[in-house]
Amino acid sequence: MSGKQPFLQRVLIPLGVIITTVAFLAGVGFKLLGLSPTNSQVANSSPTSVASSSPTQSSELPVVVLNGTSTSGLARTVADAASQKGWVIKSVGNLSGPAPKITTVYYPQGAKSHALKLATQFRASTLPALAGMANDALTLVVVK
């Protein structure tokens, strides 16, 4: 073989193979670990809020984003991503108390459909809100 290979053979085909492989392996990994948007994990927590931003979408419940890890800034990063997806961020803070084993959306009574939508976007489980959690907002506890 002499000469350069075309861009398609050199870059695009290997890139497509890599992306397909990563997506497949991620799907298998989630399946093996039993992770899905509707997994339930029990947690006891008391949220604390530290910051808020202005609402931009009125058709969804606002979201309280809490960091359940020791990774500084994780809740803010996730809150920014949620905001870009159209969610109104009510507040951002750190979880006080034990964290759930996986990222979880806690929802007030009557708001399960909103929780499922948010959980799907952030690969989280859903549970009814615990005592002390907002009853007018979803609470996203991030442990990723």
Protein backbone atom coordinates (compact mmCIF):
# COMPACT_ATOMS: atom_id res chain seq x y z
CA MET A 1 0.00 0.00 0.00
CA SER A 2 1.40 3.34 -0.93
CA GLY A 3 0.13 6.83 -0.24
CA LYS A 4 -2.09 8.17 2.49
CA GLN A 5 -5.31 6.50 3.48
CA PRO A 6 -8.45 8.61 3.08
CA PHE A 7 -9.80 10.43 6.14
CA LEU A 8 -12.77 8.04 6.30
CA GLN A 9 -10.55 4.97 6.69
CA ARG A 10 -7.99 6.66 8.88
CA VAL A 11 -10.27 8.44 11.39
CA LEU A 12 -14.02 8.07 10.97
CA ILE A 13 -14.27 4.27 10.81
CA PRO A 14 -12.04 3.67 13.88
CA LEU A 15 -13.87 6.44 15.75
CA GLY A 16 -17.23 4.83 14.98
CA VAL A 17 -15.96 1.45 16.16
CA ILE A 18 -14.63 2.97 19.39
CA ILE A 19 -17.87 4.85 20.16
CA THR A 20 -20.01 1.78 19.44
CA THR A 21 -17.79 -0.40 21.64
CA VAL A 22 -17.83 2.07 24.55
CA ALA A 23 -21.63 2.42 24.35
CA PHE A 24 -22.08 -1.35 24.27
CA LEU A 25 -19.72 -1.90 27.21
CA ALA A 26 -21.43 0.85 29.23
CA GLY A 27 -24.79 -0.79 28.63
CA VAL A 28 -23.47 -4.20 29.66
CA GLY A 29 -21.82 -2.68 32.73
CA PHE A 30 -25.03 -0.97 33.86
CA LYS A 31 -26.96 -4.19 33.30
CA LEU A 32 -24.42 -6.24 35.28
CA LEU A 33 -24.40 -3.74 38.12
CA GLY A 34 -28.19 -3.65 38.14
CA LEU A 35 -28.33 0.10 37.63
CA SER A 36 -31.42 1.62 36.08
CA PRO A 37 -33.48 4.79 36.49
CA THR A 38 -36.00 2.99 38.71
CA ASN A 39 -33.71 1.11 41.11
CA SER A 40 -34.57 1.82 44.73
CA GLN A 41 -31.97 2.39 47.41
CA VAL A 42 -32.93 3.43 50.94
CA ALA A 43 -31.19 6.45 52.39
CA ASN A 44 -31.58 8.64 55.43
CA SER A 45 -30.51 12.19 54.82
CA SER A 46 -31.17 15.74 55.79
CA PRO A 47 -30.50 18.16 52.93
CA THR A 48 -28.87 21.52 53.43
CA SER A 49 -28.98 24.19 50.74
CA VAL A 50 -26.34 26.79 50.07
CA ALA A 51 -27.08 28.49 46.74
CA SER A 52 -29.89 29.05 44.31
CA SER A 53 -30.47 30.24 40.78
CA SER A 54 -33.46 31.82 39.10
CA PRO A 55 -36.18 29.68 37.48
CA THR A 56 -36.21 29.33 33.70
CA GLN A 57 -38.89 26.71 33.06
CA SER A 58 -42.25 26.61 34.86
CA SER A 59 -43.59 23.28 33.55
CA GLU A 60 -41.18 21.19 35.70
CA LEU A 61 -40.63 21.06 39.42
CA PRO A 62 -37.51 22.84 40.62
CA VAL A 63 -34.56 20.70 41.65
CA VAL A 64 -32.43 20.72 44.81
CA VAL A 65 -29.03 19.20 43.96
CA LEU A 66 -27.03 17.75 46.85
CA ASN A 67 -23.50 16.37 46.82
CA GLY A 68 -23.36 13.01 48.59
CA THR A 69 -19.60 12.63 48.09
CA SER A 70 -16.42 14.32 49.23
CA THR A 71 -15.77 15.58 45.68
CA SER A 72 -15.84 19.36 45.90
CA GLY A 73 -18.07 21.08 43.33
CA LEU A 74 -19.84 17.92 42.13
CA ALA A 75 -23.33 19.21 42.98
CA ARG A 76 -22.67 22.50 41.16
CA THR A 77 -21.44 20.65 38.07
CA VAL A 78 -24.54 18.44 38.02
CA ALA A 79 -26.80 21.44 38.72
CA ASP A 80 -25.30 23.27 35.74
CA ALA A 81 -25.92 20.22 33.54
CA ALA A 82 -29.51 19.96 34.78
CA SER A 83 -30.05 23.65 34.12
CA GLN A 84 -28.80 23.22 30.55
CA LYS A 85 -31.37 20.44 30.14
CA GLY A 86 -34.15 22.85 31.13
CA TRP A 87 -34.50 22.11 34.84
CA VAL A 88 -34.96 24.94 37.33
CA ILE A 89 -32.34 24.72 40.07
CA LYS A 90 -33.79 25.69 43.44
CA SER A 91 -30.60 25.21 45.42
CA VAL A 92 -27.25 23.42 45.50
CA GLY A 93 -25.57 22.04 48.60
CA ASN A 94 -24.02 19.16 50.44
CA LEU A 95 -25.90 16.19 51.82
CA SER A 96 -25.75 15.84 55.57
CA GLY A 97 -26.13 12.30 56.77
CA PRO A 98 -25.62 8.99 55.00
CA ALA A 99 -25.65 9.04 51.21
CA PRO A 100 -27.55 6.56 49.06
CA LYS A 101 -25.46 3.93 47.27
CA ILE A 102 -26.35 5.35 43.84
CA THR A 103 -27.44 8.75 42.59
CA THR A 104 -31.09 9.14 43.59
CA VAL A 105 -33.97 11.52 42.84
CA TYR A 106 -36.30 11.99 45.81
CA TYR A 107 -39.73 13.31 44.90
CA PRO A 108 -42.65 14.84 46.82
CA GLN A 109 -46.08 13.24 46.72
CA GLY A 110 -47.62 13.37 43.25
CA ALA A 111 -44.37 14.16 41.45
CA LYS A 112 -43.14 10.70 40.47
CA SER A 113 -43.41 11.39 36.72
CA HIS A 114 -41.14 14.44 37.09
CA ALA A 115 -38.69 12.36 39.15
CA LEU A 116 -38.59 9.62 36.52
CA LYS A 117 -37.80 12.17 33.81
CA LEU A 118 -34.93 13.65 35.83
CA ALA A 119 -33.71 10.19 36.88
CA THR A 120 -33.57 9.05 33.28
CA GLN A 121 -31.44 12.03 32.32
CA PHE A 122 -28.96 11.44 35.15
CA ARG A 123 -29.05 7.62 35.39
CA ALA A 124 -30.48 7.77 38.90
CA SER A 125 -32.94 5.78 40.95
CA THR A 126 -36.13 7.32 42.38
CA LEU A 127 -37.61 7.27 45.88
CA PRO A 128 -40.33 9.23 47.68
CA ALA A 129 -38.94 12.25 49.55
CA LEU A 130 -37.66 11.62 53.06
CA ALA A 131 -38.62 13.67 56.09
CA GLY A 132 -36.92 17.04 55.97
CA MET A 133 -36.63 17.12 52.17
CA ALA A 134 -38.32 19.78 50.07
CA ASN A 135 -42.01 19.08 49.43
CA ASP A 136 -42.14 21.51 46.52
CA ALA A 137 -39.08 20.32 44.61
CA LEU A 138 -37.23 17.23 43.47
CA THR A 139 -34.07 16.42 45.42
CA LEU A 140 -31.21 14.97 43.35
CA VAL A 141 -28.53 13.40 45.57
CA VAL A 142 -25.40 12.83 43.51
CA VAL A 143 -23.00 10.07 44.53
CA LYS A 144 -21.22 9.50 41.21
